[in-house]
Amino acid sequence: MIRVCPSRTENLSLAVPDVSVLIASHRSQYLTYALNSVWQQDLPIGSIQVLVNYCEDPANFHVAWNSLARIATGRYLCILGDDDTLEPHYVKHCVEALDAPGAAIAHTNVRGAHRNAAHQVTYKGVYYPPSSVTLNEMTEGNKIWQSSVVRKSAWDRVGGYDMSLEYVHDWDFWLRVLK
C-alpha cells in the first residue's frame, strides 16, 4: 500500500533515528543542496549514505541506490536524487505515514524547481500531487516521484531496483512493492 504523508504532525512513535538517506551523485553543484535539506529535517536521520561521482548516466543511479540500500541500517530508506531537496518535515511526515499497518511506501507532492547561475531557486509548480495510489492506477503510469521513503523490509522483499531494465526502474519497483 502506498500512503500519502499527512499535512499535520501527530505524535510520532519513532523514538530513535531509523532512517537511512541514500544519495547517488555526479553533480557536486547540487549535492550541497540535497545534503543541507537532509540535515534540516526535524526528525533525526540515522545515516546518510552518498555515492559520489558514480556515473553521469541517470539510468545507472539505480545501481548506486541498490548498493547503498544493501548496506543501509535504517528501518526506512529515503531515496534522494542529488538534484532534489526535501522540505524540513518531509521525512517525519513520511515515517508517520509508514507507521500505518500495511504501508510500504510514502510520498508527498513535488515542486519543480530551477536554480540559475546564482543558485536562486524558482519553483515551477506542483508535480505528482499527493494521493493514495492503487496498483491499478500505477499500471496506467508512474504516480510516485523517485525521492520517496520506503520500508527497508519492502525493498529487501522485492530485491530493490531491477537492473535488467533499461528504464523505469523506480516505476517497476513501486509496482512490485504493491503486488
Foldseek 3Di string as FASTA:
>chain_A
DEFEFDPDDDDAPDDAAQEEEEEEEADVVQQVQAVVLQVLAPHDHPYYHYHYNPDPDVLCVQVRVLVVLVPDRGQKYFYDYSNDHDHRHQVVRFSRRCVDPPHFKYAAWDWDWDQDPVGDIDTDGIALHDDDDALVNLVVDNSGDQRIMGGSVLCVVQSGFDSVDSDDRSSVSVNSSRD
